[in-house]
């Protein structure tokens, strides 16, 4: 029994050491930046149940706001720095073509742009969006100057999940296009078209992203 207990103890010790090393390399962020541009109302709710109601540059609620700033892409572009949460749900009222919402932290960032978006859930591992008659663009930022952009229309449910070194994207009701882009270059570095219900799989590497064809 003693050798078995010793082996179990050593395995637990190795696992604990691995978790500690992972936490040192991937610490939980203290803050996250929520940016949006909406000409109607928008609501935010985090994993702790705290909420914010925003209209223009006015906001109220029990979620702590560490900092707020106006400006960026336009005069109505508004950013709030809030305590980090593993989940943030955003609801938009009458999202128009220029509506924009993004959530970012040290772990990466997602942005949802376009009309018809009603509800978006942001997590560390991805984003889930629902709406009606959407004309949307969803972007994923993670690796230096590279980012991923997904465009489509009409979907009622879109889900993108990051697991390990891969990213999985599925749109429920209509076709969509996935492109790899760089802030330093014009145009697309690579792109693929997908049918409704089809899943796009992307491998994330230190030097960029690539399709798993």
C-alpha atoms as a PDB file:
ATOM      1  CA  UNK A   1       0.000   0.000   0.000  1.00  0.00           C
ATOM      2  CA  UNK A   2       2.870   2.377   0.813  1.00  0.00           C
ATOM      3  CA  UNK A   3       4.407   2.285  -2.715  1.00  0.00           C
ATOM      4  CA  UNK A   4       0.953   2.932  -4.236  1.00  0.00           C
ATOM      5  CA  UNK A   5       0.343   5.901  -1.926  1.00  0.00           C
ATOM      6  CA  UNK A   6       3.808   7.211  -2.761  1.00  0.00           C
ATOM      7  CA  UNK A   7       3.096   7.019  -6.484  1.00  0.00           C
ATOM      8  CA  UNK A   8      -0.247   8.786  -6.035  1.00  0.00           C
ATOM      9  CA  UNK A   9       1.440  11.501  -3.952  1.00  0.00           C
ATOM     10  CA  UNK A  10       4.145  12.005  -6.577  1.00  0.00           C
ATOM     11  CA  UNK A  11       1.507  12.241  -9.339  1.00  0.00           C
ATOM     12  CA  UNK A  12      -0.438  14.845  -7.360  1.00  0.00           C
ATOM     13  CA  UNK A  13       2.767  16.761  -6.719  1.00  0.00           C
ATOM     14  CA  UNK A  14       3.609  16.788 -10.437  1.00  0.00           C
ATOM     15  CA  UNK A  15       0.079  17.903 -11.306  1.00  0.00           C
ATOM     16  CA  UNK A  16       0.168  20.680  -8.705  1.00  0.00           C
ATOM     17  CA  UNK A  17       3.538  21.862  -9.999  1.00  0.00           C
ATOM     18  CA  UNK A  18       2.180  21.922 -13.546  1.00  0.00           C
ATOM     19  CA  UNK A  19      -0.842  23.987 -12.453  1.00  0.00           C
ATOM     20  CA  UNK A  20       1.392  26.441 -10.594  1.00  0.00           C
ATOM     21  CA  UNK A  21       3.674  26.804 -13.602  1.00  0.00           C
ATOM     22  CA  UNK A  22       0.679  27.357 -15.899  1.00  0.00           C
ATOM     23  CA  UNK A  23      -0.692  30.034 -13.540  1.00  0.00           C
ATOM     24  CA  UNK A  24       2.670  31.779 -13.507  1.00  0.00           C
ATOM     25  CA  UNK A  25       2.794  31.801 -17.299  1.00  0.00           C
ATOM     26  CA  UNK A  26      -0.930  32.582 -17.697  1.00  0.00           C
ATOM     27  CA  UNK A  27      -1.959  34.703 -14.701  1.00  0.00           C
ATOM     28  CA  UNK A  28      -5.607  35.662 -14.319  1.00  0.00           C
ATOM     29  CA  UNK A  29      -5.979  39.285 -15.492  1.00  0.00           C
ATOM     30  CA  UNK A  30      -7.074  41.882 -12.951  1.00  0.00           C
ATOM     31  CA  UNK A  31      -8.970  44.019 -15.463  1.00  0.00           C
ATOM     32  CA  UNK A  32     -10.611  43.900 -18.861  1.00  0.00           C
ATOM     33  CA  UNK A  33     -11.498  46.587 -21.356  1.00  0.00           C
ATOM     34  CA  UNK A  34     -15.061  46.793 -22.655  1.00  0.00           C
ATOM     35  CA  UNK A  35     -15.455  49.068 -25.699  1.00  0.00           C
ATOM     36  CA  UNK A  36     -18.631  49.756 -27.590  1.00  0.00           C
ATOM     37  CA  UNK A  37     -20.449  52.073 -29.963  1.00  0.00           C
ATOM     38  CA  UNK A  38     -24.206  51.830 -29.884  1.00  0.00           C
ATOM     39  CA  UNK A  39     -26.815  54.483 -30.607  1.00  0.00           C
ATOM     40  CA  UNK A  40     -29.325  52.712 -28.365  1.00  0.00           C
ATOM     41  CA  UNK A  41     -29.064  51.143 -24.945  1.00  0.00           C
ATOM     42  CA  UNK A  42     -26.777  48.274 -24.027  1.00  0.00           C
ATOM     43  CA  UNK A  43     -26.571  46.139 -20.911  1.00  0.00           C
ATOM     44  CA  UNK A  44     -23.711  44.145 -19.425  1.00  0.00           C
ATOM     45  CA  UNK A  45     -23.789  41.346 -16.848  1.00  0.00           C
ATOM     46  CA  UNK A  46     -20.693  39.562 -15.517  1.00  0.00           C
ATOM     47  CA  UNK A  47     -20.222  36.112 -13.994  1.00  0.00           C
ATOM     48  CA  UNK A  48     -20.643  37.586 -10.511  1.00  0.00           C
ATOM     49  CA  UNK A  49     -24.132  38.864 -11.358  1.00  0.00           C
ATOM     50  CA  UNK A  50     -23.118  42.549 -11.403  1.00  0.00           C
ATOM     51  CA  UNK A  51     -24.679  44.716 -14.107  1.00  0.00           C
ATOM     52  CA  UNK A  52     -24.219  47.937 -16.054  1.00  0.00           C
ATOM     53  CA  UNK A  53     -26.756  49.792 -18.176  1.00  0.00           C
ATOM     54  CA  UNK A  54     -25.247  52.126 -20.763  1.00  0.00           C
ATOM     55  CA  UNK A  55     -26.747  54.695 -23.105  1.00  0.00           C
ATOM     56  CA  UNK A  56     -24.376  56.893 -25.023  1.00  0.00           C
ATOM     57  CA  UNK A  57     -21.611  57.727 -22.569  1.00  0.00           C
ATOM     58  CA  UNK A  58     -23.848  57.435 -19.507  1.00  0.00           C
ATOM     59  CA  UNK A  59     -23.784  54.300 -17.387  1.00  0.00           C
ATOM     60  CA  UNK A  60     -25.225  53.034 -14.120  1.00  0.00           C
ATOM     61  CA  UNK A  61     -25.276  49.805 -12.143  1.00  0.00           C
ATOM     62  CA  UNK A  62     -23.450  47.872  -9.441  1.00  0.00           C
ATOM     63  CA  UNK A  63     -20.506  46.713 -11.587  1.00  0.00           C
ATOM     64  CA  UNK A  64     -17.339  48.613 -10.666  1.00  0.00           C
ATOM     65  CA  UNK A  65     -15.993  50.938 -13.357  1.00  0.00           C
ATOM     66  CA  UNK A  66     -12.263  51.517 -12.878  1.00  0.00           C
ATOM     67  CA  UNK A  67     -11.890  53.969 -15.753  1.00  0.00           C
ATOM     68  CA  UNK A  68     -13.962  55.408 -18.595  1.00  0.00           C
ATOM     69  CA  UNK A  69     -12.897  57.150 -21.790  1.00  0.00           C
ATOM     70  CA  UNK A  70     -14.541  58.617 -24.881  1.00  0.00           C
ATOM     71  CA  UNK A  71     -13.144  58.632 -28.401  1.00  0.00           C
ATOM     72  CA  UNK A  72     -11.290  56.288 -30.688  1.00  0.00           C
ATOM     73  CA  UNK A  73     -12.826  55.380 -34.014  1.00  0.00           C
ATOM     74  CA  UNK A  74     -15.511  58.047 -33.528  1.00  0.00           C
ATOM     75  CA  UNK A  75     -16.803  60.549 -30.984  1.00  0.00           C
ATOM     76  CA  UNK A  76     -19.405  58.038 -29.759  1.00  0.00           C
ATOM     77  CA  UNK A  77     -16.833  55.280 -29.196  1.00  0.00           C
ATOM     78  CA  UNK A  78     -16.859  54.548 -25.443  1.00  0.00           C
ATOM     79  CA  UNK A  79     -14.523  52.356 -23.353  1.00  0.00           C
ATOM     80  CA  UNK A  80     -14.892  51.105 -19.787  1.00  0.00           C
ATOM     81  CA  UNK A  81     -12.214  49.370 -17.740  1.00  0.00           C
ATOM     82  CA  UNK A  82     -13.869  46.934 -15.330  1.00  0.00           C
ATOM     83  CA  UNK A  83     -12.635  44.158 -13.013  1.00  0.00           C
ATOM     84  CA  UNK A  84     -11.863  40.929 -14.833  1.00  0.00           C
ATOM     85  CA  UNK A  85     -14.658  38.359 -15.033  1.00  0.00           C
ATOM     86  CA  UNK A  86     -14.578  34.984 -16.735  1.00  0.00           C
ATOM     87  CA  UNK A  87     -17.914  35.743 -18.427  1.00  0.00           C
ATOM     88  CA  UNK A  88     -19.514  38.944 -19.694  1.00  0.00           C
ATOM     89  CA  UNK A  89     -22.928  39.017 -21.336  1.00  0.00           C
ATOM     90  CA  UNK A  90     -23.836  41.993 -23.523  1.00  0.00           C
ATOM     91  CA  UNK A  91     -27.313  42.855 -24.804  1.00  0.00           C
ATOM     92  CA  UNK A  92     -27.888  45.538 -27.438  1.00  0.00           C
ATOM     93  CA  UNK A  93     -30.985  47.518 -28.317  1.00  0.00           C
ATOM     94  CA  UNK A  94     -31.603  48.104 -32.043  1.00  0.00           C
ATOM     95  CA  UNK A  95     -28.018  47.418 -33.147  1.00  0.00           C
ATOM     96  CA  UNK A  96     -27.353  49.256 -36.409  1.00  0.00           C
ATOM     97  CA  UNK A  97     -24.692  48.786 -39.113  1.00  0.00           C
ATOM     98  CA  UNK A  98     -22.113  50.767 -37.138  1.00  0.00           C
ATOM     99  CA  UNK A  99     -22.723  49.043 -33.805  1.00  0.00           C
ATOM    100  CA  UNK A 100     -19.554  47.734 -32.211  1.00  0.00           C
ATOM    101  CA  UNK A 101     -18.689  45.914 -29.003  1.00  0.00           C
ATOM    102  CA  UNK A 102     -15.410  44.354 -27.899  1.00  0.00           C
ATOM    103  CA  UNK A 103     -14.021  42.727 -24.762  1.00  0.00           C
ATOM    104  CA  UNK A 104     -10.297  42.291 -24.248  1.00  0.00           C
ATOM    105  CA  UNK A 105      -7.823  41.257 -21.568  1.00  0.00           C
ATOM    106  CA  UNK A 106      -4.289  39.908 -21.376  1.00  0.00           C
ATOM    107  CA  UNK A 107      -5.735  36.564 -22.540  1.00  0.00           C
ATOM    108  CA  UNK A 108      -6.879  37.973 -25.895  1.00  0.00           C
ATOM    109  CA  UNK A 109      -9.877  39.806 -27.270  1.00  0.00           C
ATOM    110  CA  UNK A 110     -13.083  39.505 -29.285  1.00  0.00           C
ATOM    111  CA  UNK A 111     -15.046  42.147 -31.174  1.00  0.00           C
ATOM    112  CA  UNK A 112     -18.544  41.964 -32.684  1.00  0.00           C
ATOM    113  CA  UNK A 113     -19.599  44.536 -35.294  1.00  0.00           C
ATOM    114  CA  UNK A 114     -22.720  45.073 -37.356  1.00  0.00           C
ATOM    115  CA  UNK A 115     -26.502  45.173 -37.312  1.00  0.00           C
ATOM    116  CA  UNK A 116     -29.088  42.804 -35.894  1.00  0.00           C
ATOM    117  CA  UNK A 117     -26.917  41.628 -32.995  1.00  0.00           C
ATOM    118  CA  UNK A 118     -29.049  41.204 -29.888  1.00  0.00           C
ATOM    119  CA  UNK A 119     -27.000  39.231 -27.368  1.00  0.00           C
ATOM    120  CA  UNK A 120     -23.309  38.302 -27.123  1.00  0.00           C
ATOM    121  CA  UNK A 121     -21.555  36.282 -24.429  1.00  0.00           C
ATOM    122  CA  UNK A 122     -17.794  36.804 -24.097  1.00  0.00           C
ATOM    123  CA  UNK A 123     -15.550  34.331 -22.250  1.00  0.00           C
ATOM    124  CA  UNK A 124     -11.831  33.561 -22.187  1.00  0.00           C
ATOM    125  CA  UNK A 125     -12.431  30.693 -24.605  1.00  0.00           C
ATOM    126  CA  UNK A 126     -14.672  32.381 -27.138  1.00  0.00           C
ATOM    127  CA  UNK A 127     -17.824  34.272 -28.010  1.00  0.00           C
ATOM    128  CA  UNK A 128     -21.417  33.294 -28.684  1.00  0.00           C
ATOM    129  CA  UNK A 129     -23.718  35.657 -30.588  1.00  0.00           C
ATOM    130  CA  UNK A 130     -27.449  35.592 -31.324  1.00  0.00           C
ATOM    131  CA  UNK A 131     -29.638  38.013 -33.265  1.00  0.00           C
ATOM    132  CA  UNK A 132     -32.045  38.523 -36.165  1.00  0.00           C
ATOM    133  CA  UNK A 133     -31.169  39.417 -39.764  1.00  0.00           C
ATOM    134  CA  UNK A 134     -27.579  40.044 -38.770  1.00  0.00           C
ATOM    135  CA  UNK A 135     -25.000  41.602 -41.040  1.00  0.00           C
ATOM    136  CA  UNK A 136     -21.988  40.987 -38.883  1.00  0.00           C
ATOM    137  CA  UNK A 137     -18.250  40.845 -38.544  1.00  0.00           C
ATOM    138  CA  UNK A 138     -16.602  39.046 -35.622  1.00  0.00           C
ATOM    139  CA  UNK A 139     -12.893  39.440 -34.909  1.00  0.00           C
ATOM    140  CA  UNK A 140     -10.485  37.512 -32.725  1.00  0.00           C
ATOM    141  CA  UNK A 141      -7.233  39.119 -31.562  1.00  0.00           C
ATOM    142  CA  UNK A 142      -4.499  37.044 -29.970  1.00  0.00           C
ATOM    143  CA  UNK A 143      -1.177  37.026 -31.788  1.00  0.00           C
ATOM    144  CA  UNK A 144       0.770  40.263 -32.234  1.00  0.00           C
ATOM    145  CA  UNK A 145      -0.435  42.048 -35.370  1.00  0.00           C
ATOM    146  CA  UNK A 146      -2.532  39.125 -36.691  1.00  0.00           C
ATOM    147  CA  UNK A 147      -6.269  38.755 -36.266  1.00  0.00           C
ATOM    148  CA  UNK A 148      -9.112  36.618 -37.547  1.00  0.00           C
ATOM    149  CA  UNK A 149     -12.265  38.069 -39.104  1.00  0.00           C
ATOM    150  CA  UNK A 150     -15.520  36.208 -39.724  1.00  0.00           C
ATOM    151  CA  UNK A 151     -18.267  37.767 -41.835  1.00  0.00           C
ATOM    152  CA  UNK A 152     -21.764  36.650 -42.715  1.00  0.00           C
ATOM    153  CA  UNK A 153     -25.439  37.556 -42.709  1.00  0.00           C
ATOM    154  CA  UNK A 154     -28.753  36.217 -41.463  1.00  0.00           C
ATOM    155  CA  UNK A 155     -27.490  33.862 -38.779  1.00  0.00           C
ATOM    156  CA  UNK A 156     -29.497  33.512 -35.579  1.00  0.00           C
ATOM    157  CA  UNK A 157     -26.757  31.768 -33.590  1.00  0.00           C
ATOM    158  CA  UNK A 158     -22.972  31.925 -34.028  1.00  0.00           C
ATOM    159  CA  UNK A 159     -20.504  30.191 -31.725  1.00  0.00           C
ATOM    160  CA  UNK A 160     -16.711  30.372 -31.638  1.00  0.00           C
ATOM    161  CA  UNK A 161     -14.755  28.382 -29.056  1.00  0.00           C
ATOM    162  CA  UNK A 162     -11.032  28.239 -28.390  1.00  0.00           C
ATOM    163  CA  UNK A 163      -9.734  24.956 -26.980  1.00  0.00           C
ATOM    164  CA  UNK A 164      -6.017  24.596 -26.463  1.00  0.00           C
ATOM    165  CA  UNK A 165      -4.226  25.529 -29.655  1.00  0.00           C
ATOM    166  CA  UNK A 166      -7.326  25.409 -31.878  1.00  0.00           C
ATOM    167  CA  UNK A 167     -10.337  27.598 -32.574  1.00  0.00           C
ATOM    168  CA  UNK A 168     -13.690  26.199 -33.720  1.00  0.00           C
ATOM    169  CA  UNK A 169     -16.286  28.371 -35.504  1.00  0.00           C
ATOM    170  CA  UNK A 170     -19.857  27.416 -36.414  1.00  0.00           C
ATOM    171  CA  UNK A 171     -22.740  29.504 -37.785  1.00  0.00           C
ATOM    172  CA  UNK A 172     -26.149  27.920 -37.408  1.00  0.00           C
ATOM    173  CA  UNK A 173     -28.308  29.177 -40.272  1.00  0.00           C
ATOM    174  CA  UNK A 174     -26.221  30.649 -43.083  1.00  0.00           C
ATOM    175  CA  UNK A 175     -22.868  30.582 -44.852  1.00  0.00           C
ATOM    176  CA  UNK A 176     -19.905  32.536 -43.507  1.00  0.00           C
ATOM    177  CA  UNK A 177     -16.383  33.536 -44.556  1.00  0.00           C
ATOM    178  CA  UNK A 178     -13.240  33.344 -42.415  1.00  0.00           C
ATOM    179  CA  UNK A 179     -10.184  35.483 -43.182  1.00  0.00           C
ATOM    180  CA  UNK A 180      -6.759  35.885 -41.621  1.00  0.00           C
ATOM    181  CA  UNK A 181      -5.568  39.495 -41.614  1.00  0.00           C
ATOM    182  CA  UNK A 182      -2.745  41.676 -40.379  1.00  0.00           C
ATOM    183  CA  UNK A 183      -2.851  45.263 -39.174  1.00  0.00           C
ATOM    184  CA  UNK A 184       0.351  45.797 -41.148  1.00  0.00           C
ATOM    185  CA  UNK A 185      -1.009  44.627 -44.523  1.00  0.00           C
ATOM    186  CA  UNK A 186      -4.020  45.307 -46.692  1.00  0.00           C
ATOM    187  CA  UNK A 187      -6.310  42.524 -47.814  1.00  0.00           C
ATOM    188  CA  UNK A 188      -6.530  38.957 -46.618  1.00  0.00           C
ATOM    189  CA  UNK A 189      -3.589  36.645 -45.933  1.00  0.00           C
ATOM    190  CA  UNK A 190      -5.796  33.545 -46.322  1.00  0.00           C
ATOM    191  CA  UNK A 191      -9.534  32.881 -46.442  1.00  0.00           C
ATOM    192  CA  UNK A 192     -12.127  30.099 -46.665  1.00  0.00           C
ATOM    193  CA  UNK A 193     -15.891  29.954 -47.211  1.00  0.00           C
ATOM    194  CA  UNK A 194     -18.108  27.682 -45.135  1.00  0.00           C
ATOM    195  CA  UNK A 195     -21.703  26.487 -45.406  1.00  0.00           C
ATOM    196  CA  UNK A 196     -24.394  26.813 -42.747  1.00  0.00           C
ATOM    197  CA  UNK A 197     -23.790  24.398 -39.879  1.00  0.00           C
ATOM    198  CA  UNK A 198     -20.271  23.594 -41.053  1.00  0.00           C
ATOM    199  CA  UNK A 199     -17.465  23.989 -38.509  1.00  0.00           C
ATOM    200  CA  UNK A 200     -14.264  25.823 -39.317  1.00  0.00           C
ATOM    201  CA  UNK A 201     -11.200  24.612 -37.402  1.00  0.00           C
ATOM    202  CA  UNK A 202      -8.188  26.897 -37.017  1.00  0.00           C
ATOM    203  CA  UNK A 203      -4.801  26.079 -35.553  1.00  0.00           C
ATOM    204  CA  UNK A 204      -3.253  28.867 -33.491  1.00  0.00           C
ATOM    205  CA  UNK A 205       0.526  29.083 -33.606  1.00  0.00           C
ATOM    206  CA  UNK A 206       3.116  31.512 -32.237  1.00  0.00           C
ATOM    207  CA  UNK A 207       3.679  32.876 -35.717  1.00  0.00           C
ATOM    208  CA  UNK A 208       0.019  33.199 -36.697  1.00  0.00           C
ATOM    209  CA  UNK A 209      -3.057  31.113 -37.535  1.00  0.00           C
ATOM    210  CA  UNK A 210      -3.836  28.529 -40.190  1.00  0.00           C
ATOM    211  CA  UNK A 211      -6.847  26.524 -41.375  1.00  0.00           C
ATOM    212  CA  UNK A 212      -7.031  22.827 -40.582  1.00  0.00           C
ATOM    213  CA  UNK A 213      -8.048  21.697 -44.036  1.00  0.00           C
END
